[in-house]
N, C-alpha and C. Protein backbone atom coordinates (compact mmCIF):
# COMPACT_ATOMS: atom_id res chain seq x y z
N UNK A 1 213.01 -63.85 -45.17
CA UNK A 1 214.31 -63.88 -44.51
C UNK A 1 214.48 -65.21 -43.79
N UNK A 2 215.69 -65.58 -43.70
CA UNK A 2 216.02 -66.82 -43.02
C UNK A 2 215.90 -66.61 -41.51
N UNK A 3 215.22 -67.49 -40.81
CA UNK A 3 215.01 -67.39 -39.37
C UNK A 3 216.34 -67.42 -38.62
N UNK A 4 217.28 -68.20 -39.14
CA UNK A 4 218.59 -68.28 -38.48
C UNK A 4 219.30 -66.94 -38.51
N UNK A 5 219.15 -66.18 -39.58
CA UNK A 5 219.77 -64.85 -39.67
C UNK A 5 219.17 -63.89 -38.64
N UNK A 6 217.85 -63.98 -38.50
CA UNK A 6 217.18 -63.12 -37.53
C UNK A 6 217.63 -63.47 -36.12
N UNK A 7 217.66 -64.76 -35.78
CA UNK A 7 218.09 -65.20 -34.45
C UNK A 7 219.53 -64.79 -34.21
N UNK A 8 220.40 -64.99 -35.20
CA UNK A 8 221.80 -64.63 -35.07
C UNK A 8 221.94 -63.12 -34.86
N UNK A 9 221.15 -62.34 -35.58
CA UNK A 9 221.18 -60.88 -35.43
C UNK A 9 220.76 -60.45 -34.03
N UNK A 10 219.70 -61.07 -33.51
CA UNK A 10 219.24 -60.74 -32.16
C UNK A 10 220.30 -61.12 -31.13
N UNK A 11 220.89 -62.30 -31.26
CA UNK A 11 221.92 -62.76 -30.33
C UNK A 11 223.11 -61.81 -30.35
N UNK A 12 223.56 -61.42 -31.54
CA UNK A 12 224.70 -60.50 -31.64
C UNK A 12 224.37 -59.13 -31.04
N UNK A 13 223.14 -58.66 -31.26
CA UNK A 13 222.72 -57.38 -30.70
C UNK A 13 222.73 -57.43 -29.17
N UNK A 14 222.13 -58.47 -28.60
CA UNK A 14 222.06 -58.61 -27.13
C UNK A 14 223.46 -58.76 -26.55
N UNK A 15 224.29 -59.58 -27.18
CA UNK A 15 225.66 -59.79 -26.69
C UNK A 15 226.46 -58.50 -26.78
N UNK A 16 226.34 -57.80 -27.88
CA UNK A 16 227.06 -56.54 -28.05
C UNK A 16 226.61 -55.50 -27.04
N UNK A 17 225.32 -55.40 -26.84
CA UNK A 17 224.78 -54.45 -25.86
C UNK A 17 225.28 -54.80 -24.46
N UNK A 18 225.21 -56.10 -24.11
CA UNK A 18 225.65 -56.54 -22.78
C UNK A 18 227.13 -56.28 -22.55
N UNK A 19 227.96 -56.59 -23.54
CA UNK A 19 229.40 -56.36 -23.40
C UNK A 19 229.71 -54.86 -23.32
N UNK A 20 229.02 -54.08 -24.12
CA UNK A 20 229.22 -52.63 -24.07
C UNK A 20 228.82 -52.06 -22.73
N UNK A 21 227.73 -52.53 -22.17
CA UNK A 21 227.27 -52.08 -20.87
C UNK A 21 228.28 -52.45 -19.79
N UNK A 22 228.74 -53.71 -19.82
CA UNK A 22 229.71 -54.16 -18.82
C UNK A 22 231.01 -53.39 -18.94
N UNK A 23 231.50 -53.20 -20.15
CA UNK A 23 232.76 -52.47 -20.34
C UNK A 23 232.62 -51.03 -19.88
N UNK A 24 231.48 -50.42 -20.16
CA UNK A 24 231.25 -49.04 -19.74
C UNK A 24 231.23 -48.94 -18.22
N UNK A 25 230.59 -49.86 -17.51
CA UNK A 25 230.56 -49.83 -16.06
C UNK A 25 231.95 -50.00 -15.46
N UNK A 26 232.71 -50.93 -16.00
CA UNK A 26 234.07 -51.14 -15.49
C UNK A 26 234.92 -49.90 -15.72
N UNK A 27 234.82 -49.31 -16.88
CA UNK A 27 235.59 -48.11 -17.20
C UNK A 27 235.22 -46.96 -16.27
N UNK A 28 233.93 -46.75 -16.07
CA UNK A 28 233.51 -45.64 -15.23
C UNK A 28 233.95 -45.83 -13.78
N UNK A 29 233.92 -47.05 -13.30
CA UNK A 29 234.31 -47.27 -11.91
C UNK A 29 235.80 -47.07 -11.70
N UNK A 30 236.61 -47.51 -12.65
CA UNK A 30 238.05 -47.45 -12.44
C UNK A 30 238.66 -46.15 -12.93
N UNK A 31 237.95 -45.40 -13.75
CA UNK A 31 238.55 -44.21 -14.34
C UNK A 31 238.77 -43.09 -13.33
N UNK A 32 237.96 -43.03 -12.30
CA UNK A 32 238.09 -41.93 -11.36
C UNK A 32 239.28 -42.15 -10.42
N UNK A 33 239.62 -43.39 -10.14
CA UNK A 33 240.72 -43.67 -9.24
C UNK A 33 240.38 -43.39 -7.78
N UNK A 34 239.13 -43.07 -7.48
CA UNK A 34 238.71 -42.74 -6.12
C UNK A 34 237.73 -43.79 -5.63
N UNK A 35 237.99 -44.32 -4.45
CA UNK A 35 237.05 -45.26 -3.86
C UNK A 35 235.87 -44.48 -3.28
N UNK A 36 234.71 -45.07 -3.30
CA UNK A 36 233.52 -44.39 -2.77
C UNK A 36 233.49 -44.39 -1.26
N UNK A 37 232.75 -43.45 -0.72
CA UNK A 37 232.59 -43.38 0.73
C UNK A 37 231.57 -44.41 1.19
N UNK A 38 231.66 -44.77 2.45
CA UNK A 38 230.71 -45.69 3.07
C UNK A 38 230.44 -45.17 4.48
N UNK A 39 229.23 -44.63 4.66
CA UNK A 39 228.85 -44.09 5.96
C UNK A 39 227.68 -44.86 6.53
N UNK A 40 227.57 -44.79 7.83
CA UNK A 40 226.43 -45.35 8.53
C UNK A 40 225.92 -44.27 9.50
N UNK A 41 224.62 -43.96 9.40
CA UNK A 41 224.02 -42.99 10.33
C UNK A 41 223.36 -43.79 11.44
N UNK A 42 223.81 -43.54 12.67
CA UNK A 42 223.30 -44.28 13.81
C UNK A 42 221.95 -43.77 14.28
N UNK A 43 221.51 -44.31 15.41
CA UNK A 43 220.23 -43.92 16.01
C UNK A 43 220.31 -42.46 16.48
N UNK A 44 219.35 -41.67 16.06
CA UNK A 44 219.33 -40.24 16.38
C UNK A 44 218.92 -40.05 17.84
N UNK A 45 219.65 -39.18 18.52
CA UNK A 45 219.29 -38.82 19.89
C UNK A 45 218.74 -37.41 19.87
N UNK A 46 217.72 -37.17 20.67
CA UNK A 46 217.03 -35.89 20.72
C UNK A 46 217.23 -35.26 22.09
N UNK A 47 217.33 -33.93 22.10
CA UNK A 47 217.42 -33.22 23.38
C UNK A 47 216.83 -31.83 23.22
N UNK A 48 216.56 -31.20 24.34
CA UNK A 48 216.17 -29.80 24.35
C UNK A 48 217.40 -28.98 24.69
N UNK A 49 217.72 -28.04 23.82
CA UNK A 49 218.80 -27.09 24.09
C UNK A 49 218.11 -25.73 24.19
N UNK A 50 217.97 -25.25 25.42
CA UNK A 50 217.14 -24.07 25.64
C UNK A 50 215.70 -24.44 25.31
N UNK A 51 215.10 -23.70 24.40
CA UNK A 51 213.74 -24.00 23.96
C UNK A 51 213.73 -24.75 22.63
N UNK A 52 214.89 -25.09 22.10
CA UNK A 52 214.98 -25.71 20.77
C UNK A 52 215.17 -27.21 20.86
N UNK A 53 214.38 -27.91 20.07
CA UNK A 53 214.57 -29.34 19.89
C UNK A 53 215.82 -29.54 19.04
N UNK A 54 216.72 -30.42 19.46
CA UNK A 54 217.99 -30.61 18.78
C UNK A 54 218.22 -32.10 18.54
N UNK A 55 218.74 -32.41 17.34
CA UNK A 55 219.11 -33.78 16.99
C UNK A 55 220.61 -33.94 17.15
N UNK A 56 221.01 -35.11 17.64
CA UNK A 56 222.41 -35.49 17.68
C UNK A 56 222.53 -36.69 16.74
N UNK A 57 223.27 -36.49 15.65
CA UNK A 57 223.33 -37.45 14.55
C UNK A 57 224.69 -38.14 14.55
N UNK A 58 224.75 -39.40 15.01
CA UNK A 58 226.02 -40.13 15.00
C UNK A 58 226.30 -40.67 13.60
N UNK A 59 227.51 -40.42 13.10
CA UNK A 59 227.91 -40.88 11.77
C UNK A 59 229.19 -41.66 11.89
N UNK A 60 229.18 -42.89 11.36
CA UNK A 60 230.36 -43.76 11.34
C UNK A 60 230.88 -43.85 9.92
N UNK A 61 232.19 -43.72 9.76
CA UNK A 61 232.82 -43.93 8.47
C UNK A 61 233.26 -45.40 8.44
N UNK A 62 232.47 -46.23 7.78
CA UNK A 62 232.76 -47.67 7.73
C UNK A 62 233.56 -48.03 6.49
N UNK A 63 233.99 -47.03 5.74
CA UNK A 63 234.78 -47.24 4.52
C UNK A 63 236.26 -47.17 4.79
N UNK A 64 237.01 -47.13 3.70
CA UNK A 64 238.48 -47.15 3.79
C UNK A 64 239.10 -45.82 3.38
N UNK A 65 238.28 -44.81 3.13
CA UNK A 65 238.79 -43.49 2.75
C UNK A 65 238.23 -42.44 3.70
N UNK A 66 239.00 -41.37 3.96
CA UNK A 66 238.46 -40.28 4.77
C UNK A 66 237.27 -39.65 4.07
N UNK A 67 236.36 -39.09 4.84
CA UNK A 67 235.18 -38.47 4.26
C UNK A 67 234.95 -37.11 4.92
N UNK A 68 234.51 -36.16 4.11
CA UNK A 68 234.15 -34.84 4.60
C UNK A 68 232.64 -34.69 4.48
N UNK A 69 232.00 -34.36 5.58
CA UNK A 69 230.56 -34.11 5.58
C UNK A 69 230.36 -32.70 5.05
N UNK A 70 229.76 -32.58 3.87
CA UNK A 70 229.58 -31.27 3.26
C UNK A 70 228.34 -30.56 3.76
N UNK A 71 227.24 -31.29 3.90
CA UNK A 71 225.98 -30.70 4.30
C UNK A 71 225.16 -31.73 5.06
N UNK A 72 224.41 -31.27 6.04
CA UNK A 72 223.40 -32.11 6.68
C UNK A 72 222.07 -31.39 6.51
N UNK A 73 221.14 -32.05 5.82
CA UNK A 73 219.83 -31.47 5.55
C UNK A 73 218.75 -32.27 6.25
N UNK A 74 217.68 -31.59 6.61
CA UNK A 74 216.55 -32.24 7.27
C UNK A 74 215.27 -31.71 6.62
N UNK A 75 214.34 -32.62 6.40
CA UNK A 75 213.01 -32.25 5.91
C UNK A 75 211.98 -33.11 6.61
N UNK A 76 210.73 -32.64 6.63
CA UNK A 76 209.66 -33.47 7.16
C UNK A 76 209.46 -34.64 6.22
N UNK A 77 209.04 -35.77 6.75
CA UNK A 77 208.84 -36.97 5.95
C UNK A 77 207.49 -36.88 5.24
N UNK A 78 207.41 -35.97 4.28
CA UNK A 78 206.18 -35.76 3.51
C UNK A 78 206.57 -35.28 2.11
N UNK A 79 205.84 -35.72 1.12
CA UNK A 79 206.11 -35.33 -0.26
C UNK A 79 206.06 -33.82 -0.40
N UNK A 80 207.05 -33.25 -1.05
CA UNK A 80 207.08 -31.81 -1.30
C UNK A 80 207.53 -30.96 -0.14
N UNK A 81 208.00 -31.57 0.94
CA UNK A 81 208.42 -30.78 2.10
C UNK A 81 209.74 -30.07 1.81
N UNK A 82 209.94 -28.95 2.47
CA UNK A 82 211.15 -28.15 2.29
C UNK A 82 212.31 -28.77 3.06
N UNK A 83 213.47 -28.76 2.43
CA UNK A 83 214.68 -29.29 3.04
C UNK A 83 215.49 -28.12 3.58
N UNK A 84 215.90 -28.21 4.85
CA UNK A 84 216.70 -27.17 5.48
C UNK A 84 218.09 -27.73 5.74
N UNK A 85 219.12 -26.94 5.41
CA UNK A 85 220.48 -27.46 5.40
C UNK A 85 221.43 -26.67 6.28
N UNK A 86 222.25 -27.43 6.99
CA UNK A 86 223.41 -26.88 7.69
C UNK A 86 224.57 -27.02 6.71
N UNK A 87 225.03 -25.90 6.16
CA UNK A 87 226.08 -25.93 5.15
C UNK A 87 227.48 -25.98 5.74
N UNK A 88 227.57 -25.94 7.06
CA UNK A 88 228.87 -25.96 7.72
C UNK A 88 228.82 -26.90 8.93
N UNK A 89 228.53 -28.20 8.70
CA UNK A 89 228.41 -29.11 9.84
C UNK A 89 229.76 -29.35 10.51
N UNK A 90 229.72 -29.45 11.82
CA UNK A 90 230.94 -29.69 12.59
C UNK A 90 230.67 -30.78 13.62
N UNK A 91 231.57 -31.75 13.67
CA UNK A 91 231.45 -32.82 14.65
C UNK A 91 231.60 -32.31 16.07
N UNK A 92 230.80 -32.83 16.96
CA UNK A 92 230.82 -32.40 18.36
C UNK A 92 232.16 -32.76 19.02
N UNK A 93 232.68 -33.94 18.71
CA UNK A 93 233.88 -34.42 19.39
C UNK A 93 235.17 -33.95 18.73
N UNK A 94 235.17 -33.87 17.39
CA UNK A 94 236.40 -33.51 16.68
C UNK A 94 236.50 -32.02 16.37
N UNK A 95 235.36 -31.34 16.33
CA UNK A 95 235.36 -29.95 15.91
C UNK A 95 235.65 -29.80 14.42
N UNK A 96 235.50 -30.90 13.68
CA UNK A 96 235.82 -30.94 12.26
C UNK A 96 234.64 -31.48 11.46
N UNK A 97 234.70 -31.30 10.15
CA UNK A 97 233.67 -31.88 9.28
C UNK A 97 234.15 -33.18 8.64
N UNK A 98 235.34 -33.65 9.01
CA UNK A 98 235.92 -34.86 8.42
C UNK A 98 235.91 -36.02 9.40
N UNK A 99 235.77 -37.24 8.83
CA UNK A 99 235.81 -38.45 9.63
C UNK A 99 236.80 -39.41 8.97
N UNK A 100 237.78 -39.87 9.73
CA UNK A 100 238.78 -40.80 9.21
C UNK A 100 238.17 -42.18 8.99
N UNK A 101 238.80 -43.00 8.15
CA UNK A 101 238.32 -44.38 7.96
C UNK A 101 238.23 -45.11 9.30
N UNK A 102 237.11 -45.75 9.56
CA UNK A 102 236.91 -46.46 10.81
C UNK A 102 236.53 -45.55 11.97
N UNK A 103 236.49 -44.25 11.74
CA UNK A 103 236.17 -43.30 12.80
C UNK A 103 234.69 -42.95 12.83
N UNK A 104 234.35 -42.12 13.80
CA UNK A 104 232.96 -41.67 13.94
C UNK A 104 232.95 -40.32 14.63
N UNK A 105 231.84 -39.64 14.50
CA UNK A 105 231.61 -38.39 15.21
C UNK A 105 230.10 -38.17 15.27
N UNK A 106 229.69 -37.26 16.10
CA UNK A 106 228.28 -36.92 16.23
C UNK A 106 228.11 -35.47 15.82
N UNK A 107 227.10 -35.22 15.01
CA UNK A 107 226.83 -33.88 14.51
C UNK A 107 225.50 -33.40 15.08
N UNK A 108 225.47 -32.14 15.48
CA UNK A 108 224.27 -31.53 16.04
C UNK A 108 223.50 -30.84 14.92
N UNK A 109 222.17 -30.93 14.97
CA UNK A 109 221.32 -30.22 14.01
C UNK A 109 220.09 -29.71 14.73
N UNK A 110 219.83 -28.41 14.58
CA UNK A 110 218.60 -27.82 15.09
C UNK A 110 218.14 -26.75 14.10
N UNK A 111 217.02 -26.13 14.37
CA UNK A 111 216.45 -25.17 13.44
C UNK A 111 217.40 -24.02 13.14
N UNK A 112 218.13 -23.55 14.13
CA UNK A 112 219.06 -22.45 13.91
C UNK A 112 220.19 -22.86 12.98
N UNK A 113 220.81 -24.01 13.24
CA UNK A 113 221.91 -24.48 12.39
C UNK A 113 221.44 -24.77 10.96
N UNK A 114 220.22 -25.26 10.82
CA UNK A 114 219.69 -25.62 9.51
C UNK A 114 218.95 -24.50 8.81
N UNK A 115 218.98 -23.29 9.39
CA UNK A 115 218.28 -22.13 8.81
C UNK A 115 216.81 -22.42 8.56
N UNK A 116 216.20 -23.13 9.50
CA UNK A 116 214.78 -23.51 9.42
C UNK A 116 213.96 -22.61 10.33
N UNK A 117 212.64 -22.59 10.16
CA UNK A 117 211.79 -21.86 11.11
C UNK A 117 212.00 -22.40 12.52
N UNK A 118 211.84 -21.55 13.51
CA UNK A 118 212.09 -21.92 14.90
C UNK A 118 211.31 -23.17 15.32
N UNK A 119 210.07 -23.29 14.85
CA UNK A 119 209.22 -24.41 15.26
C UNK A 119 209.24 -25.58 14.27
N UNK A 120 210.30 -25.70 13.48
CA UNK A 120 210.39 -26.76 12.48
C UNK A 120 210.43 -28.16 13.12
N UNK A 121 211.28 -28.34 14.12
CA UNK A 121 211.37 -29.64 14.80
C UNK A 121 210.34 -29.67 15.92
N UNK A 122 209.39 -30.60 15.79
CA UNK A 122 208.32 -30.70 16.78
C UNK A 122 208.19 -32.13 17.28
N UNK A 123 207.83 -32.32 18.57
CA UNK A 123 207.65 -33.67 19.12
C UNK A 123 206.63 -34.46 18.29
N UNK A 124 206.96 -35.72 18.04
CA UNK A 124 206.07 -36.63 17.33
C UNK A 124 206.15 -36.57 15.81
N UNK A 125 206.80 -35.55 15.25
CA UNK A 125 206.93 -35.48 13.79
C UNK A 125 208.06 -36.39 13.30
N UNK A 126 207.91 -36.88 12.07
CA UNK A 126 208.93 -37.73 11.47
C UNK A 126 209.72 -36.92 10.44
N UNK A 127 211.03 -37.10 10.44
CA UNK A 127 211.93 -36.32 9.60
C UNK A 127 212.88 -37.24 8.82
N UNK A 128 213.35 -36.74 7.68
CA UNK A 128 214.36 -37.43 6.89
C UNK A 128 215.64 -36.61 6.99
N UNK A 129 216.70 -37.26 7.43
CA UNK A 129 218.01 -36.63 7.55
C UNK A 129 218.83 -37.06 6.35
N UNK A 130 219.47 -36.10 5.69
CA UNK A 130 220.31 -36.41 4.53
C UNK A 130 221.72 -35.88 4.81
N UNK A 131 222.69 -36.78 4.80
CA UNK A 131 224.09 -36.42 4.99
C UNK A 131 224.75 -36.46 3.62
N UNK A 132 225.24 -35.30 3.17
CA UNK A 132 225.79 -35.18 1.83
C UNK A 132 227.32 -35.16 1.90
N UNK A 133 227.94 -36.01 1.06
CA UNK A 133 229.39 -36.08 0.93
C UNK A 133 229.74 -35.86 -0.55
N UNK A 134 231.04 -35.85 -0.88
CA UNK A 134 231.46 -35.50 -2.24
C UNK A 134 230.92 -36.43 -3.32
N UNK A 135 230.64 -37.67 -3.01
CA UNK A 135 230.22 -38.60 -4.06
C UNK A 135 228.80 -39.14 -3.86
N UNK A 136 227.99 -38.46 -3.06
CA UNK A 136 226.61 -38.92 -2.88
C UNK A 136 226.04 -38.46 -1.56
N UNK A 137 225.04 -39.20 -1.10
CA UNK A 137 224.41 -38.85 0.18
C UNK A 137 223.87 -40.11 0.84
N UNK A 138 223.62 -39.97 2.15
CA UNK A 138 223.07 -41.04 2.97
C UNK A 138 221.87 -40.47 3.71
N UNK A 139 220.83 -41.28 3.88
CA UNK A 139 219.61 -40.80 4.53
C UNK A 139 219.20 -41.72 5.67
N UNK A 140 218.48 -41.13 6.60
CA UNK A 140 217.87 -41.89 7.69
C UNK A 140 216.60 -41.17 8.10
N UNK A 141 215.58 -41.94 8.41
CA UNK A 141 214.32 -41.38 8.89
C UNK A 141 214.27 -41.53 10.40
N UNK A 142 213.76 -40.51 11.07
CA UNK A 142 213.68 -40.53 12.52
C UNK A 142 212.42 -39.79 12.98
N UNK A 143 211.92 -40.15 14.13
CA UNK A 143 210.74 -39.50 14.70
C UNK A 143 211.11 -38.88 16.03
N UNK A 144 210.74 -37.62 16.19
CA UNK A 144 211.01 -36.92 17.46
C UNK A 144 210.11 -37.51 18.55
N UNK A 145 210.64 -37.74 19.73
CA UNK A 145 209.82 -38.29 20.81
C UNK A 145 208.73 -37.31 21.25
N UNK A 146 207.66 -37.86 21.83
CA UNK A 146 206.56 -37.03 22.33
C UNK A 146 206.89 -36.41 23.68
N UNK A 147 207.71 -37.11 24.47
CA UNK A 147 208.02 -36.64 25.82
C UNK A 147 209.51 -36.65 26.03
N UNK A 148 209.96 -35.85 27.00
CA UNK A 148 211.39 -35.76 27.33
C UNK A 148 211.60 -36.31 28.71
N UNK A 149 212.68 -37.03 28.88
CA UNK A 149 213.01 -37.62 30.18
C UNK A 149 213.46 -36.59 31.16
């Protein structure tokens, strides 16, 4: 076989694959007509509510579309750990699960809200928080303090 034919075949294959990939990505992004959400999870604050350790999770909507927080899940920061979910999260300040563009709210999470064992949140343990929205999720790792002020 002629080397030029082989080189030309490889070039056409790579170019075709690249153009197909690019066209597919553009099509998929624009076909939904929905802009993606953009959230930021702030520094977690911890408190004792009665005998329960409680997280206060500040969430900022840094995007241009309103967002509804569907679920807030927490698991220990260990492979294979169980994830416990609050399926009805409500913002402390708004009383709602929605955050407007440029807005923020703080969500409370404890063992009762997340349907977790009573002693799930313990001082000094590290946890992964997952905030789930309609088009994905956002995570943050946090460690419970050893002592309370």
